[in-house]
Amino acid sequence: MGDTMTATKPKDEQETYYWPNGSVREILNHRNGTRHGRTTLYWANGSVWAIYHYQNGKYHGRTTFFGFGGSVGAVLNHRNGKLHGPQYGHKARIEQ
C-alpha cells in the first residue's frame, strides 16, 4: 500500500478508494465528519482483507481480518476505541 491516498472528508457520506488496478481498496463511512459505521478493506484481488466498525471516530465492535484466500486470520473486539472482550488470532485465542 505504498501509494498516497488523498480525499476530502464529507460530512455524512461513504468514501471509496481504489487500487492502481481499479479494484476497490477501501469503503468507509462518515457521520458528522468522523468515521462511523462499517469500513471494509479489500485485497487487490477483490477479496475482503478486513472489516472494521467505528462509532464516532473510535473502533467499536468486532474487527475481522481475513487472509488472502478468505480465511479468518484474527478477530478483535473493541468498545469506545479500546480492546474489549475475547480476541482471537489464527486458530488461537489472543491473551490480553
Protein backbone atom coordinates (compact mmCIF):
# COMPACT_ATOMS: atom_id res chain seq x y z
CA MET A 1 0.00 0.00 0.00
CA GLY A 2 2.83 2.40 -0.71
CA ASP A 3 0.84 4.89 -2.75
CA THR A 4 -0.57 8.09 -1.26
CA MET A 5 -4.31 8.49 -0.77
CA THR A 6 -6.00 11.86 -0.77
CA ALA A 7 -9.65 12.53 -0.24
CA THR A 8 -11.95 15.12 1.18
CA LYS A 9 -13.85 14.22 4.34
CA PRO A 10 -17.54 14.54 3.58
CA LYS A 11 -19.90 15.14 6.46
CA ASP A 12 -22.26 12.17 6.08
CA GLU A 13 -21.13 10.10 3.16
CA GLN A 14 -19.38 6.99 2.01
CA GLU A 15 -15.87 7.14 0.52
CA THR A 16 -14.36 4.57 -1.80
CA TYR A 17 -10.64 4.19 -2.56
CA TYR A 18 -9.19 2.06 -5.37
CA TRP A 19 -6.07 0.01 -6.03
CA PRO A 20 -3.99 1.02 -9.09
CA ASN A 21 -5.55 -1.95 -10.94
CA GLY A 22 -9.01 -0.34 -10.49
CA SER A 23 -10.41 -2.75 -7.91
CA VAL A 24 -11.91 -1.37 -4.71
CA ARG A 25 -9.40 -0.98 -1.86
CA GLU A 26 -11.48 0.57 0.92
CA ILE A 27 -15.05 1.64 1.56
CA LEU A 28 -15.61 3.78 4.64
CA ASN A 29 -18.45 5.80 6.12
CA HIS A 30 -18.59 9.17 7.83
CA ARG A 31 -21.12 10.75 10.16
CA ASN A 32 -20.65 14.37 11.17
CA GLY A 33 -17.19 14.35 9.56
CA THR A 34 -15.78 11.37 11.51
CA ARG A 35 -15.61 7.66 10.73
CA HIS A 36 -18.78 5.94 11.80
CA GLY A 37 -20.18 2.57 10.86
CA ARG A 38 -18.59 -0.16 8.80
CA THR A 39 -15.27 0.15 6.99
CA THR A 40 -14.26 -2.63 4.62
CA LEU A 41 -10.75 -3.09 3.20
CA TYR A 42 -10.05 -5.31 0.20
CA TRP A 43 -7.04 -7.13 -1.18
CA ALA A 44 -6.06 -6.11 -4.73
CA ASN A 45 -7.68 -9.35 -5.99
CA GLY A 46 -11.07 -8.12 -4.69
CA SER A 47 -11.42 -10.40 -1.66
CA VAL A 48 -12.08 -8.85 1.75
CA TRP A 49 -8.98 -8.10 3.84
CA ALA A 50 -10.61 -6.57 6.96
CA ILE A 51 -13.91 -5.30 8.31
CA TYR A 52 -13.82 -2.59 10.97
CA HIS A 53 -16.64 -0.88 12.84
CA TYR A 54 -16.42 2.67 14.12
CA GLN A 55 -18.60 4.67 16.46
CA ASN A 56 -17.95 8.42 16.49
CA GLY A 57 -14.40 8.01 15.17
CA LYS A 58 -13.36 5.17 17.52
CA TYR A 59 -13.13 1.44 16.94
CA HIS A 60 -16.29 -0.09 18.34
CA GLY A 61 -17.50 -3.63 17.86
CA ARG A 62 -15.89 -6.51 16.02
CA THR A 63 -12.90 -6.18 13.71
CA THR A 64 -12.21 -9.18 11.49
CA PHE A 65 -9.05 -9.74 9.44
CA PHE A 66 -9.04 -12.18 6.54
CA GLY A 67 -6.20 -13.96 4.77
CA PHE A 68 -5.59 -13.50 1.06
CA GLY A 69 -7.68 -16.60 0.35
CA GLY A 70 -10.60 -15.51 2.55
CA SER A 71 -9.95 -17.46 5.75
CA VAL A 72 -10.39 -15.58 9.05
CA GLY A 73 -6.99 -14.58 10.42
CA ALA A 74 -7.97 -12.66 13.56
CA VAL A 75 -11.00 -11.26 15.35
CA LEU A 76 -10.69 -8.29 17.71
CA ASN A 77 -13.44 -6.70 19.80
CA HIS A 78 -13.45 -3.03 20.75
CA ARG A 79 -15.52 -0.76 22.91
CA ASN A 80 -15.04 3.00 22.62
CA GLY A 81 -11.65 2.65 20.94
CA LYS A 82 -10.18 0.08 23.35
CA LEU A 83 -9.84 -3.68 23.13
CA HIS A 84 -12.71 -5.33 24.97
CA GLY A 85 -13.70 -8.97 25.32
CA PRO A 86 -12.18 -12.00 23.62
CA GLN A 87 -9.58 -11.56 20.89
CA TYR A 88 -8.78 -14.42 18.53
CA GLY A 89 -5.84 -14.93 16.20
CA HIS A 90 -5.36 -17.60 13.56
CA LYS A 91 -6.70 -20.73 15.29
CA ALA A 92 -5.83 -19.40 18.77
CA ARG A 93 -7.14 -17.05 21.41
CA ILE A 94 -5.02 -13.93 21.93
CA GLU A 95 -4.30 -13.25 25.58
CA GLN A 96 -4.65 -9.63 26.67
